[in-house]
Amino acid sequence: MGDKPEPSDAAAQSNTLHPVYTVTNIQNKVRVLDGTKVSYSSWVKFFQQNARGYKVMNHIDDTLSPAKTDPTYDSWMEIDDIVLQWIYRTLSNDLLVRLLKPKSTTLEAWLWLKAIFSQQQRP
């Protein structure tokens, strides 16, 4: 009597802070990609390590975002914006001005960078 009911697993998870919110300066973890001092392949390795560690790989792999009607959509998009900021903050100014586009998603930016550096490696 008088005991509070146990929260469900879903409720407990929704009250847990996502690890992405604990990153205060991504440049301390991923060096700035400039294509000379830091190669694309090195940058990708560093970025993916952090994406796995902070549980946001689903924003740079082929995982689709939830539908706009899905209750998790707003949270997904908020986290996507943070990871997109990670990309922006770890690019040289030359790359950044080429990448900035309105309403871009993290996956779109990730694939754009991959395409740019894949083209540069072709003979």
PDB file of N, CA and C in Angstrom:
ATOM      1  N   MET A   1       0.839  -1.185   0.000  1.00  0.00           N
ATOM      2  CA  MET A   1       0.000   0.000   0.000  1.00  0.00           C
ATOM      3  C   MET A   1       0.871   1.231   0.000  1.00  0.00           C
ATOM      4  N   GLY A   2       0.457   2.184  -0.767  1.00  0.00           N
ATOM      5  CA  GLY A   2       1.193   3.424  -0.825  1.00  0.00           C
ATOM      6  C   GLY A   2       2.461   3.346  -1.664  1.00  0.00           C
ATOM      7  N   ASP A   3       2.801   2.126  -2.114  1.00  0.00           N
ATOM      8  CA  ASP A   3       3.988   1.999  -2.948  1.00  0.00           C
ATOM      9  C   ASP A   3       3.702   2.542  -4.342  1.00  0.00           C
ATOM     10  N   LYS A   4       4.702   3.199  -4.901  1.00  0.00           N
ATOM     11  CA  LYS A   4       4.554   3.692  -6.267  1.00  0.00           C
ATOM     12  C   LYS A   4       4.742   2.528  -7.230  1.00  0.00           C
ATOM     13  N   PRO A   5       3.985   2.516  -8.322  1.00  0.00           N
ATOM     14  CA  PRO A   5       4.161   1.432  -9.283  1.00  0.00           C
ATOM     15  C   PRO A   5       5.518   1.546  -9.969  1.00  0.00           C
ATOM     16  N   GLU A   6       6.081   0.379 -10.325  1.00  0.00           N
ATOM     17  CA  GLU A   6       7.360   0.347 -11.031  1.00  0.00           C
ATOM     18  C   GLU A   6       7.167   0.907 -12.436  1.00  0.00           C
ATOM     19  N   PRO A   7       8.067   1.782 -12.887  1.00  0.00           N
ATOM     20  CA  PRO A   7       7.941   2.269 -14.257  1.00  0.00           C
ATOM     21  C   PRO A   7       8.246   1.145 -15.236  1.00  0.00           C
ATOM     22  N   SER A   8       7.578   1.193 -16.358  1.00  0.00           N
ATOM     23  CA  SER A   8       7.840   0.178 -17.381  1.00  0.00           C
ATOM     24  C   SER A   8       9.221   0.417 -17.972  1.00  0.00           C
ATOM     25  N   ASP A   9       9.753  -0.587 -18.645  1.00  0.00           N
ATOM     26  CA  ASP A   9      11.064  -0.446 -19.273  1.00  0.00           C
ATOM     27  C   ASP A   9      11.058   0.705 -20.274  1.00  0.00           C
ATOM     28  N   ALA A  10       9.982   0.839 -21.037  1.00  0.00           N
ATOM     29  CA  ALA A  10       9.896   1.913 -22.030  1.00  0.00           C
ATOM     30  C   ALA A  10       9.920   3.283 -21.357  1.00  0.00           C
ATOM     31  N   ALA A  11       9.203   3.410 -20.247  1.00  0.00           N
ATOM     32  CA  ALA A  11       9.177   4.687 -19.533  1.00  0.00           C
ATOM     33  C   ALA A  11      10.547   4.996 -18.946  1.00  0.00           C
ATOM     34  N   ALA A  12      11.207   3.982 -18.414  1.00  0.00           N
ATOM     35  CA  ALA A  12      12.540   4.191 -17.840  1.00  0.00           C
ATOM     36  C   ALA A  12      13.525   4.601 -18.917  1.00  0.00           C
ATOM     37  N   GLN A  13      13.446   3.980 -20.094  1.00  0.00           N
ATOM     38  CA  GLN A  13      14.349   4.329 -21.180  1.00  0.00           C
ATOM     39  C   GLN A  13      14.096   5.741 -21.687  1.00  0.00           C
ATOM     40  N   SER A  14      12.830   6.163 -21.719  1.00  0.00           N
ATOM     41  CA  SER A  14      12.534   7.497 -22.228  1.00  0.00           C
ATOM     42  C   SER A  14      13.044   8.585 -21.286  1.00  0.00           C
ATOM     43  N   ASN A  15      13.256   8.248 -20.011  1.00  0.00           N
ATOM     44  CA  ASN A  15      13.767   9.214 -19.049  1.00  0.00           C
ATOM     45  C   ASN A  15      15.292   9.198 -18.962  1.00  0.00           C
ATOM     46  N   THR A  16      15.928   8.276 -19.680  1.00  0.00           N
ATOM     47  CA  THR A  16      17.377   8.155 -19.670  1.00  0.00           C
ATOM     48  C   THR A  16      17.965   9.094 -20.713  1.00  0.00           C
ATOM     49  N   LEU A  17      18.988   9.804 -20.328  1.00  0.00           N
ATOM     50  CA  LEU A  17      19.656  10.732 -21.240  1.00  0.00           C
ATOM     51  C   LEU A  17      20.426   9.945 -22.294  1.00  0.00           C
ATOM     52  N   HIS A  18      20.189  10.249 -23.549  1.00  0.00           N
ATOM     53  CA  HIS A  18      20.903   9.583 -24.638  1.00  0.00           C
ATOM     54  C   HIS A  18      22.379   9.981 -24.557  1.00  0.00           C
ATOM     55  N   PRO A  19      23.291   9.036 -24.800  1.00  0.00           N
ATOM     56  CA  PRO A  19      24.731   9.343 -24.704  1.00  0.00           C
ATOM     57  C   PRO A  19      25.196  10.500 -25.597  1.00  0.00           C
ATOM     58  N   VAL A  20      24.517  10.749 -26.690  1.00  0.00           N
ATOM     59  CA  VAL A  20      24.937  11.827 -27.601  1.00  0.00           C
ATOM     60  C   VAL A  20      24.950  13.188 -26.888  1.00  0.00           C
ATOM     61  N   TYR A  21      24.118  13.346 -25.877  1.00  0.00           N
ATOM     62  CA  TYR A  21      24.026  14.622 -25.165  1.00  0.00           C
ATOM     63  C   TYR A  21      25.205  14.868 -24.226  1.00  0.00           C
ATOM     64  N   THR A  22      26.042  13.856 -24.039  1.00  0.00           N
ATOM     65  CA  THR A  22      27.184  14.028 -23.140  1.00  0.00           C
ATOM     66  C   THR A  22      28.432  14.547 -23.843  1.00  0.00           C
ATOM     67  N   VAL A  23      28.398  14.628 -25.163  1.00  0.00           N
ATOM     68  CA  VAL A  23      29.554  15.115 -25.929  1.00  0.00           C
ATOM     69  C   VAL A  23      29.560  16.638 -25.885  1.00  0.00           C
ATOM     70  N   THR A  24      30.634  17.194 -25.353  1.00  0.00           N
ATOM     71  CA  THR A  24      30.697  18.653 -25.254  1.00  0.00           C
ATOM     72  C   THR A  24      31.550  19.284 -26.355  1.00  0.00           C
ATOM     73  N   ASN A  25      32.529  18.545 -26.870  1.00  0.00           N
ATOM     74  CA  ASN A  25      33.367  19.081 -27.940  1.00  0.00           C
ATOM     75  C   ASN A  25      33.857  17.922 -28.801  1.00  0.00           C
ATOM     76  N   ILE A  26      33.189  17.685 -29.896  1.00  0.00           N
ATOM     77  CA  ILE A  26      33.532  16.563 -30.760  1.00  0.00           C
ATOM     78  C   ILE A  26      34.941  16.697 -31.328  1.00  0.00           C
ATOM     79  N   GLN A  27      35.456  17.906 -31.459  1.00  0.00           N
ATOM     80  CA  GLN A  27      36.804  18.091 -32.000  1.00  0.00           C
ATOM     81  C   GLN A  27      37.874  17.533 -31.063  1.00  0.00           C
ATOM     82  N   ASN A  28      37.538  17.293 -29.803  1.00  0.00           N
ATOM     83  CA  ASN A  28      38.470  16.626 -28.891  1.00  0.00           C
ATOM     84  C   ASN A  28      38.540  15.130 -29.174  1.00  0.00           C
ATOM     85  N   LYS A  29      37.582  14.624 -29.948  1.00  0.00           N
ATOM     86  CA  LYS A  29      37.498  13.193 -30.208  1.00  0.00           C
ATOM     87  C   LYS A  29      37.761  12.840 -31.670  1.00  0.00           C
ATOM     88  N   VAL A  30      37.382  13.721 -32.579  1.00  0.00           N
ATOM     89  CA  VAL A  30      37.547  13.489 -34.016  1.00  0.00           C
ATOM     90  C   VAL A  30      38.291  14.676 -34.593  1.00  0.00           C
ATOM     91  N   ARG A  31      39.414  14.397 -35.238  1.00  0.00           N
ATOM     92  CA  ARG A  31      40.207  15.482 -35.819  1.00  0.00           C
ATOM     93  C   ARG A  31      39.503  16.060 -37.039  1.00  0.00           C
ATOM     94  N   VAL A  32      39.859  17.279 -37.405  1.00  0.00           N
ATOM     95  CA  VAL A  32      39.228  17.977 -38.523  1.00  0.00           C
ATOM     96  C   VAL A  32      39.700  17.383 -39.845  1.00  0.00           C
ATOM     97  N   LEU A  33      38.735  16.993 -40.666  1.00  0.00           N
ATOM     98  CA  LEU A  33      39.017  16.440 -41.986  1.00  0.00           C
ATOM     99  C   LEU A  33      39.371  17.572 -42.943  1.00  0.00           C
ATOM    100  N   ASP A  34      40.592  17.508 -43.466  1.00  0.00           N
ATOM    101  CA  ASP A  34      41.002  18.501 -44.460  1.00  0.00           C
ATOM    102  C   ASP A  34      41.481  17.844 -45.746  1.00  0.00           C
ATOM    103  N   GLY A  35      41.629  16.530 -45.732  1.00  0.00           N
ATOM    104  CA  GLY A  35      42.047  15.806 -46.922  1.00  0.00           C
ATOM    105  C   GLY A  35      43.550  15.756 -47.116  1.00  0.00           C
ATOM    106  N   THR A  36      44.305  16.456 -46.272  1.00  0.00           N
ATOM    107  CA  THR A  36      45.769  16.403 -46.380  1.00  0.00           C
ATOM    108  C   THR A  36      46.379  15.917 -45.064  1.00  0.00           C
ATOM    109  N   LYS A  37      46.286  16.719 -44.020  1.00  0.00           N
ATOM    110  CA  LYS A  37      46.827  16.295 -42.718  1.00  0.00           C
ATOM    111  C   LYS A  37      46.001  15.150 -42.135  1.00  0.00           C
ATOM    112  N   VAL A  38      44.705  15.217 -42.313  1.00  0.00           N
ATOM    113  CA  VAL A  38      43.809  14.154 -41.863  1.00  0.00           C
ATOM    114  C   VAL A  38      43.093  13.620 -43.096  1.00  0.00           C
ATOM    115  N   SER A  39      43.331  12.349 -43.389  1.00  0.00           N
ATOM    116  CA  SER A  39      42.721  11.733 -44.567  1.00  0.00           C
ATOM    117  C   SER A  39      41.266  11.368 -44.287  1.00  0.00           C
ATOM    118  N   TYR A  40      40.531  11.193 -45.360  1.00  0.00           N
ATOM    119  CA  TYR A  40      39.131  10.802 -45.240  1.00  0.00           C
ATOM    120  C   TYR A  40      39.009   9.463 -44.509  1.00  0.00           C
ATOM    121  N   SER A  41      39.836   8.493 -44.861  1.00  0.00           N
ATOM    122  CA  SER A  41      39.731   7.165 -44.230  1.00  0.00           C
ATOM    123  C   SER A  41      40.011   7.235 -42.728  1.00  0.00           C
ATOM    124  N   SER A  42      40.969   8.045 -42.321  1.00  0.00           N
ATOM    125  CA  SER A  42      41.239   8.213 -40.884  1.00  0.00           C
ATOM    126  C   SER A  42      40.068   8.889 -40.194  1.00  0.00           C
ATOM    127  N   TRP A  43      39.554   9.934 -40.812  1.00  0.00           N
ATOM    128  CA  TRP A  43      38.412  10.667 -40.249  1.00  0.00           C
ATOM    129  C   TRP A  43      37.222   9.738 -40.063  1.00  0.00           C
ATOM    130  N   VAL A  44      36.937   8.910 -41.078  1.00  0.00           N
ATOM    131  CA  VAL A  44      35.809   7.976 -41.001  1.00  0.00           C
ATOM    132  C   VAL A  44      35.990   7.023 -39.818  1.00  0.00           C
ATOM    133  N   LYS A  45      37.203   6.497 -39.649  1.00  0.00           N
ATOM    134  CA  LYS A  45      37.447   5.578 -38.531  1.00  0.00           C
ATOM    135  C   LYS A  45      37.184   6.251 -37.190  1.00  0.00           C
ATOM    136  N   PHE A  46      37.718   7.455 -37.002  1.00  0.00           N
ATOM    137  CA  PHE A  46      37.478   8.187 -35.752  1.00  0.00           C
ATOM    138  C   PHE A  46      35.996   8.485 -35.560  1.00  0.00           C
ATOM    139  N   PHE A  47      35.350   8.942 -36.622  1.00  0.00           N
ATOM    140  CA  PHE A  47      33.944   9.313 -36.521  1.00  0.00           C
ATOM    141  C   PHE A  47      33.091   8.092 -36.185  1.00  0.00           C
ATOM    142  N   GLN A  48      33.341   6.977 -36.871  1.00  0.00           N
ATOM    143  CA  GLN A  48      32.551   5.769 -36.616  1.00  0.00           C
ATOM    144  C   GLN A  48      32.774   5.231 -35.202  1.00  0.00           C
ATOM    145  N   GLN A  49      33.989   5.327 -34.697  1.00  0.00           N
ATOM    146  CA  GLN A  49      34.232   4.892 -33.322  1.00  0.00           C
ATOM    147  C   GLN A  49      33.379   5.686 -32.345  1.00  0.00           C
ATOM    148  N   ASN A  50      33.310   6.981 -32.555  1.00  0.00           N
ATOM    149  CA  ASN A  50      32.491   7.816 -31.684  1.00  0.00           C
ATOM    150  C   ASN A  50      31.009   7.563 -31.907  1.00  0.00           C
ATOM    151  N   ALA A  51      30.617   7.361 -33.143  1.00  0.00           N
ATOM    152  CA  ALA A  51      29.212   7.081 -33.437  1.00  0.00           C
ATOM    153  C   ALA A  51      28.761   5.787 -32.751  1.00  0.00           C
ATOM    154  N   ARG A  52      29.613   4.772 -32.776  1.00  0.00           N
ATOM    155  CA  ARG A  52      29.281   3.525 -32.073  1.00  0.00           C
ATOM    156  C   ARG A  52      29.235   3.752 -30.564  1.00  0.00           C
ATOM    157  N   GLY A  53      30.254   4.421 -30.052  1.00  0.00           N
ATOM    158  CA  GLY A  53      30.341   4.643 -28.618  1.00  0.00           C
ATOM    159  C   GLY A  53      29.197   5.477 -28.062  1.00  0.00           C
ATOM    160  N   TYR A  54      28.730   6.419 -28.842  1.00  0.00           N
ATOM    161  CA  TYR A  54      27.642   7.291 -28.391  1.00  0.00           C
ATOM    162  C   TYR A  54      26.285   6.878 -28.964  1.00  0.00           C
ATOM    163  N   LYS A  55      26.248   5.663 -29.529  1.00  0.00           N
ATOM    164  CA  LYS A  55      25.001   5.031 -29.965  1.00  0.00           C
ATOM    165  C   LYS A  55      24.231   5.835 -31.016  1.00  0.00           C
ATOM    166  N   VAL A  56      24.969   6.307 -32.040  1.00  0.00           N
ATOM    167  CA  VAL A  56      24.322   7.043 -33.134  1.00  0.00           C
ATOM    168  C   VAL A  56      24.723   6.509 -34.520  1.00  0.00           C
ATOM    169  N   MET A  57      25.240   5.282 -34.564  1.00  0.00           N
ATOM    170  CA  MET A  57      25.605   4.685 -35.859  1.00  0.00           C
ATOM    171  C   MET A  57      24.407   4.646 -36.799  1.00  0.00           C
ATOM    172  N   ASN A  58      23.206   4.499 -36.235  1.00  0.00           N
ATOM    173  CA  ASN A  58      22.010   4.426 -37.066  1.00  0.00           C
ATOM    174  C   ASN A  58      21.726   5.736 -37.813  1.00  0.00           C
ATOM    175  N   HIS A  59      22.482   6.769 -37.532  1.00  0.00           N
ATOM    176  CA  HIS A  59      22.320   8.039 -38.260  1.00  0.00           C
ATOM    177  C   HIS A  59      23.280   8.146 -39.439  1.00  0.00           C
ATOM    178  N   ILE A  60      24.284   7.246 -39.491  1.00  0.00           N
ATOM    179  CA  ILE A  60      25.224   7.294 -40.616  1.00  0.00           C
ATOM    180  C   ILE A  60      25.251   5.985 -41.401  1.00  0.00           C
ATOM    181  N   ASP A  61      24.444   5.016 -41.005  1.00  0.00           N
ATOM    182  CA  ASP A  61      24.353   3.803 -41.817  1.00  0.00           C
ATOM    183  C   ASP A  61      23.056   3.880 -42.629  1.00  0.00           C
ATOM    184  N   ASP A  62      22.607   2.790 -43.130  1.00  0.00           N
ATOM    185  CA  ASP A  62      21.427   2.816 -44.009  1.00  0.00           C
ATOM    186  C   ASP A  62      20.101   2.789 -43.259  1.00  0.00           C
ATOM    187  N   THR A  63      20.119   2.986 -41.961  1.00  0.00           N
ATOM    188  CA  THR A  63      18.887   2.998 -41.182  1.00  0.00           C
ATOM    189  C   THR A  63      18.044   4.206 -41.577  1.00  0.00           C
ATOM    190  N   LEU A  64      16.793   3.966 -41.879  1.00  0.00           N
ATOM    191  CA  LEU A  64      15.888   5.058 -42.226  1.00  0.00           C
ATOM    192  C   LEU A  64      15.387   5.741 -40.963  1.00  0.00           C
ATOM    193  N   SER A  65      15.137   7.022 -41.066  1.00  0.00           N
ATOM    194  CA  SER A  65      14.553   7.730 -39.924  1.00  0.00           C
ATOM    195  C   SER A  65      13.118   7.259 -39.741  1.00  0.00           C
ATOM    196  N   PRO A  66      12.587   7.380 -38.533  1.00  0.00           N
ATOM    197  CA  PRO A  66      11.189   6.994 -38.333  1.00  0.00           C
ATOM    198  C   PRO A  66      10.255   7.928 -39.107  1.00  0.00           C
ATOM    199  N   ALA A  67       9.068   7.441 -39.365  1.00  0.00           N
ATOM    200  CA  ALA A  67       8.058   8.254 -40.050  1.00  0.00           C
ATOM    201  C   ALA A  67       7.694   9.454 -39.176  1.00  0.00           C
ATOM    202  N   LYS A  68       7.261  10.529 -39.802  1.00  0.00           N
ATOM    203  CA  LYS A  68       6.894  11.740 -39.052  1.00  0.00           C
ATOM    204  C   LYS A  68       5.779  11.480 -38.055  1.00  0.00           C
ATOM    205  N   THR A  69       5.006  10.446 -38.277  1.00  0.00           N
ATOM    206  CA  THR A  69       3.908  10.111 -37.363  1.00  0.00           C
ATOM    207  C   THR A  69       4.373   9.235 -36.193  1.00  0.00           C
ATOM    208  N   ASP A  70       5.591   8.731 -36.264  1.00  0.00           N
ATOM    209  CA  ASP A  70       6.140   7.887 -35.205  1.00  0.00           C
ATOM    210  C   ASP A  70       6.414   8.742 -33.969  1.00  0.00           C
ATOM    211  N   PRO A  71       6.089   8.260 -32.765  1.00  0.00           N
ATOM    212  CA  PRO A  71       6.327   9.054 -31.552  1.00  0.00           C
ATOM    213  C   PRO A  71       7.811   9.341 -31.285  1.00  0.00           C
ATOM    214  N   THR A  72       8.707   8.572 -31.880  1.00  0.00           N
ATOM    215  CA  THR A  72      10.141   8.798 -31.669  1.00  0.00           C
ATOM    216  C   THR A  72      10.750   9.750 -32.702  1.00  0.00           C
ATOM    217  N   TYR A  73       9.945  10.215 -33.644  1.00  0.00           N
ATOM    218  CA  TYR A  73      10.461  11.039 -34.740  1.00  0.00           C
ATOM    219  C   TYR A  73      11.166  12.307 -34.240  1.00  0.00           C
ATOM    220  N   ASP A  74      10.551  13.049 -33.357  1.00  0.00           N
ATOM    221  CA  ASP A  74      11.157  14.309 -32.887  1.00  0.00           C
ATOM    222  C   ASP A  74      12.492  14.065 -32.196  1.00  0.00           C
ATOM    223  N   SER A  75      12.564  13.027 -31.383  1.00  0.00           N
ATOM    224  CA  SER A  75      13.812  12.696 -30.702  1.00  0.00           C
ATOM    225  C   SER A  75      14.876  12.273 -31.717  1.00  0.00           C
ATOM    226  N   TRP A  76      14.479  11.454 -32.677  1.00  0.00           N
ATOM    227  CA  TRP A  76      15.410  11.017 -33.731  1.00  0.00           C
ATOM    228  C   TRP A  76      15.986  12.230 -34.466  1.00  0.00           C
ATOM    229  N   MET A  77      15.135  13.151 -34.849  1.00  0.00           N
ATOM    230  CA  MET A  77      15.584  14.315 -35.623  1.00  0.00           C
ATOM    231  C   MET A  77      16.472  15.230 -34.777  1.00  0.00           C
ATOM    232  N   GLU A  78      16.180  15.342 -33.508  1.00  0.00           N
ATOM    233  CA  GLU A  78      17.019  16.146 -32.615  1.00  0.00           C
ATOM    234  C   GLU A  78      18.429  15.541 -32.530  1.00  0.00           C
ATOM    235  N   ILE A  79      18.495  14.242 -32.358  1.00  0.00           N
ATOM    236  CA  ILE A  79      19.793  13.567 -32.307  1.00  0.00           C
ATOM    237  C   ILE A  79      20.486  13.646 -33.666  1.00  0.00           C
ATOM    238  N   ASP A  80      19.723  13.528 -34.745  1.00  0.00           N
ATOM    239  CA  ASP A  80      20.293  13.641 -36.085  1.00  0.00           C
ATOM    240  C   ASP A  80      20.935  15.010 -36.281  1.00  0.00           C
ATOM    241  N   ASP A  81      20.290  16.047 -35.800  1.00  0.00           N
ATOM    242  CA  ASP A  81      20.861  17.399 -35.899  1.00  0.00           C
ATOM    243  C   ASP A  81      22.172  17.510 -35.117  1.00  0.00           C
ATOM    244  N   ILE A  82      22.238  16.863 -33.981  1.00  0.00           N
ATOM    245  CA  ILE A  82      23.474  16.895 -33.181  1.00  0.00           C
ATOM    246  C   ILE A  82      24.602  16.180 -33.921  1.00  0.00           C
ATOM    247  N   VAL A  83      24.314  15.018 -34.476  1.00  0.00           N
ATOM    248  CA  VAL A  83      25.347  14.271 -35.198  1.00  0.00           C
ATOM    249  C   VAL A  83      25.752  15.028 -36.463  1.00  0.00           C
ATOM    250  N   LEU A  84      24.815  15.683 -37.111  1.00  0.00           N
ATOM    251  CA  LEU A  84      25.143  16.522 -38.272  1.00  0.00           C
ATOM    252  C   LEU A  84      26.073  17.661 -37.850  1.00  0.00           C
ATOM    253  N   GLN A  85      25.832  18.232 -36.689  1.00  0.00           N
ATOM    254  CA  GLN A  85      26.740  19.258 -36.155  1.00  0.00           C
ATOM    255  C   GLN A  85      28.126  18.675 -35.929  1.00  0.00           C
ATOM    256  N   TRP A  86      28.215  17.421 -35.482  1.00  0.00           N
ATOM    257  CA  TRP A  86      29.520  16.765 -35.323  1.00  0.00           C
ATOM    258  C   TRP A  86      30.261  16.765 -36.652  1.00  0.00           C
ATOM    259  N   ILE A  87      29.538  16.400 -37.714  1.00  0.00           N
ATOM    260  CA  ILE A  87      30.173  16.375 -39.032  1.00  0.00           C
ATOM    261  C   ILE A  87      30.648  17.775 -39.387  1.00  0.00           C
ATOM    262  N   TYR A  88      29.770  18.757 -39.262  1.00  0.00           N
ATOM    263  CA  TYR A  88      30.132  20.138 -39.612  1.00  0.00           C
ATOM    264  C   TYR A  88      31.357  20.609 -38.828  1.00  0.00           C
ATOM    265  N   ARG A  89      31.410  20.281 -37.548  1.00  0.00           N
ATOM    266  CA  ARG A  89      32.490  20.776 -36.687  1.00  0.00           C
ATOM    267  C   ARG A  89      33.811  20.050 -36.902  1.00  0.00           C
ATOM    268  N   THR A  90      33.777  18.964 -37.665  1.00  0.00           N
ATOM    269  CA  THR A  90      35.013  18.218 -37.904  1.00  0.00           C
ATOM    270  C   THR A  90      35.432  18.276 -39.364  1.00  0.00           C
ATOM    271  N   LEU A  91      34.984  19.292 -40.076  1.00  0.00           N
ATOM    272  CA  LEU A  91      35.377  19.497 -41.469  1.00  0.00           C
ATOM    273  C   LEU A  91      36.166  20.791 -41.594  1.00  0.00           C
ATOM    274  N   SER A  92      37.081  20.797 -42.536  1.00  0.00           N
ATOM    275  CA  SER A  92      37.792  22.039 -42.846  1.00  0.00           C
ATOM    276  C   SER A  92      36.781  23.039 -43.410  1.00  0.00           C
ATOM    277  N   ASN A  93      37.132  24.312 -43.372  1.00  0.00           N
ATOM    278  CA  ASN A  93      36.240  25.342 -43.903  1.00  0.00           C
ATOM    279  C   ASN A  93      35.921  25.107 -45.372  1.00  0.00           C
ATOM    280  N   ASP A  94      36.915  24.661 -46.155  1.00  0.00           N
ATOM    281  CA  ASP A  94      36.683  24.408 -47.581  1.00  0.00           C
ATOM    282  C   ASP A  94      35.609  23.345 -47.794  1.00  0.00           C
ATOM    283  N   LEU A  95      35.679  22.265 -47.026  1.00  0.00           N
ATOM    284  CA  LEU A  95      34.669  21.213 -47.146  1.00  0.00           C
ATOM    285  C   LEU A  95      33.325  21.660 -46.589  1.00  0.00           C
ATOM    286  N   LEU A  96      33.368  22.375 -45.500  1.00  0.00           N
ATOM    287  CA  LEU A  96      32.125  22.800 -44.855  1.00  0.00           C
ATOM    288  C   LEU A  96      31.273  23.653 -45.781  1.00  0.00           C
ATOM    289  N   VAL A  97      31.862  24.614 -46.456  1.00  0.00           N
ATOM    290  CA  VAL A  97      31.059  25.490 -47.325  1.00  0.00           C
ATOM    291  C   VAL A  97      30.479  24.716 -48.502  1.00  0.00           C
ATOM    292  N   ARG A  98      31.129  23.643 -48.914  1.00  0.00           N
ATOM    293  CA  ARG A  98      30.601  22.816 -49.999  1.00  0.00           C
ATOM    294  C   ARG A  98      29.469  21.915 -49.522  1.00  0.00           C
ATOM    295  N   LEU A  99      29.492  21.564 -48.259  1.00  0.00           N
ATOM    296  CA  LEU A  99      28.526  20.613 -47.712  1.00  0.00           C
ATOM    297  C   LEU A  99      27.246  21.260 -47.190  1.00  0.00           C
ATOM    298  N   LEU A 100      27.342  22.471 -46.673  1.00  0.00           N
ATOM    299  CA  LEU A 100      26.179  23.102 -46.030  1.00  0.00           C
ATOM    300  C   LEU A 100      25.011  23.241 -47.001  1.00  0.00           C
ATOM    301  N   LYS A 101      23.921  22.629 -46.631  1.00  0.00           N
ATOM    302  CA  LYS A 101      22.689  22.705 -47.424  1.00  0.00           C
ATOM    303  C   LYS A 101      21.517  22.786 -46.455  1.00  0.00           C
ATOM    304  N   PRO A 102      20.494  23.537 -46.803  1.00  0.00           N
ATOM    305  CA  PRO A 102      19.335  23.602 -45.906  1.00  0.00           C
ATOM    306  C   PRO A 102      18.631  22.248 -45.825  1.00  0.00           C
ATOM    307  N   LYS A 103      18.179  21.939 -44.646  1.00  0.00           N
ATOM    308  CA  LYS A 103      17.386  20.733 -44.368  1.00  0.00           C
ATOM    309  C   LYS A 103      18.112  19.442 -44.719  1.00  0.00           C
ATOM    310  N   SER A 104      19.407  19.418 -44.568  1.00  0.00           N
ATOM    311  CA  SER A 104      20.184  18.214 -44.811  1.00  0.00           C
ATOM    312  C   SER A 104      20.110  17.306 -43.594  1.00  0.00           C
ATOM    313  N   THR A 105      20.157  16.011 -43.829  1.00  0.00           N
ATOM    314  CA  THR A 105      20.220  15.059 -42.725  1.00  0.00           C
ATOM    315  C   THR A 105      21.661  14.591 -42.562  1.00  0.00           C
ATOM    316  N   THR A 106      21.923  13.947 -41.453  1.00  0.00           N
ATOM    317  CA  THR A 106      23.253  13.411 -41.207  1.00  0.00           C
ATOM    318  C   THR A 106      23.638  12.404 -42.285  1.00  0.00           C
ATOM    319  N   LEU A 107      22.721  11.514 -42.630  1.00  0.00           N
ATOM    320  CA  LEU A 107      23.023  10.503 -43.635  1.00  0.00           C
ATOM    321  C   LEU A 107      23.328  11.146 -44.986  1.00  0.00           C
ATOM    322  N   GLU A 108      22.586  12.158 -45.377  1.00  0.00           N
ATOM    323  CA  GLU A 108      22.855  12.845 -46.641  1.00  0.00           C
ATOM    324  C   GLU A 108      24.252  13.464 -46.635  1.00  0.00           C
ATOM    325  N   ALA A 109      24.637  14.092 -45.547  1.00  0.00           N
ATOM    326  CA  ALA A 109      25.970  14.689 -45.445  1.00  0.00           C
ATOM    327  C   ALA A 109      27.044  13.607 -45.479  1.00  0.00           C
ATOM    328  N   TRP A 110      26.822  12.519 -44.757  1.00  0.00           N
ATOM    329  CA  TRP A 110      27.769  11.402 -44.710  1.00  0.00           C
ATOM    330  C   TRP A 110      27.995  10.840 -46.118  1.00  0.00           C
ATOM    331  N   LEU A 111      26.903  10.608 -46.834  1.00  0.00           N
ATOM    332  CA  LEU A 111      27.007  10.044 -48.187  1.00  0.00           C
ATOM    333  C   LEU A 111      27.640  11.029 -49.157  1.00  0.00           C
ATOM    334  N   TRP A 112      27.375  12.311 -48.982  1.00  0.00           N
ATOM    335  CA  TRP A 112      27.986  13.333 -49.837  1.00  0.00           C
ATOM    336  C   TRP A 112      29.505  13.321 -49.656  1.00  0.00           C
ATOM    337  N   LEU A 113      29.963  13.276 -48.420  1.00  0.00           N
ATOM    338  CA  LEU A 113      31.408  13.228 -48.167  1.00  0.00           C
ATOM    339  C   LEU A 113      32.026  11.966 -48.767  1.00  0.00           C
ATOM    340  N   LYS A 114      31.339  10.858 -48.600  1.00  0.00           N
ATOM    341  CA  LYS A 114      31.839   9.604 -49.170  1.00  0.00           C
ATOM    342  C   LYS A 114      31.973   9.724 -50.687  1.00  0.00           C
ATOM    343  N   ALA A 115      30.984  10.305 -51.320  1.00  0.00           N
ATOM    344  CA  ALA A 115      31.019  10.464 -52.786  1.00  0.00           C
ATOM    345  C   ALA A 115      32.159  11.388 -53.207  1.00  0.00           C
ATOM    346  N   ILE A 116      32.345  12.481 -52.504  1.00  0.00           N
ATOM    347  CA  ILE A 116      33.409  13.430 -52.832  1.00  0.00           C
ATOM    348  C   ILE A 116      34.773  12.739 -52.768  1.00  0.00           C
ATOM    349  N   PHE A 117      35.025  12.018 -51.708  1.00  0.00           N
ATOM    350  CA  PHE A 117      36.343  11.404 -51.533  1.00  0.00           C
ATOM    351  C   PHE A 117      36.502  10.158 -52.409  1.00  0.00           C
ATOM    352  N   SER A 118      35.397   9.505 -52.767  1.00  0.00           N
ATOM    353  CA  SER A 118      35.479   8.378 -53.703  1.00  0.00           C
ATOM    354  C   SER A 118      35.859   8.882 -55.086  1.00  0.00           C
ATOM    355  N   GLN A 119      35.317  10.025 -55.484  1.00  0.00           N
ATOM    356  CA  GLN A 119      35.640  10.613 -56.794  1.00  0.00           C
ATOM    357  C   GLN A 119      37.094  11.027 -56.854  1.00  0.00           C
ATOM    358  N   GLN A 120      37.614  11.531 -55.754  1.00  0.00           N
ATOM    359  CA  GLN A 120      39.008  11.976 -55.735  1.00  0.00           C
ATOM    360  C   GLN A 120      39.972  10.817 -55.849  1.00  0.00           C
ATOM    361  N   GLN A 121      39.562   9.619 -55.460  1.00  0.00           N
ATOM    362  CA  GLN A 121      40.441   8.459 -55.504  1.00  0.00           C
ATOM    363  C   GLN A 121      40.425   7.769 -56.856  1.00  0.00           C
ATOM    364  N   ARG A 122      39.448   8.106 -57.708  1.00  0.00           N
ATOM    365  CA  ARG A 122      39.393   7.492 -59.030  1.00  0.00           C
ATOM    366  C   ARG A 122      40.471   8.077 -59.921  1.00  0.00           C
ATOM    367  N   PRO A 123      41.014   7.223 -60.826  1.00  0.00           N
ATOM    368  CA  PRO A 123      42.059   7.740 -61.730  1.00  0.00           C
ATOM    369  C   PRO A 123      41.505   8.715 -62.744  1.00  0.00           C
TER     370      PRO A 123
END
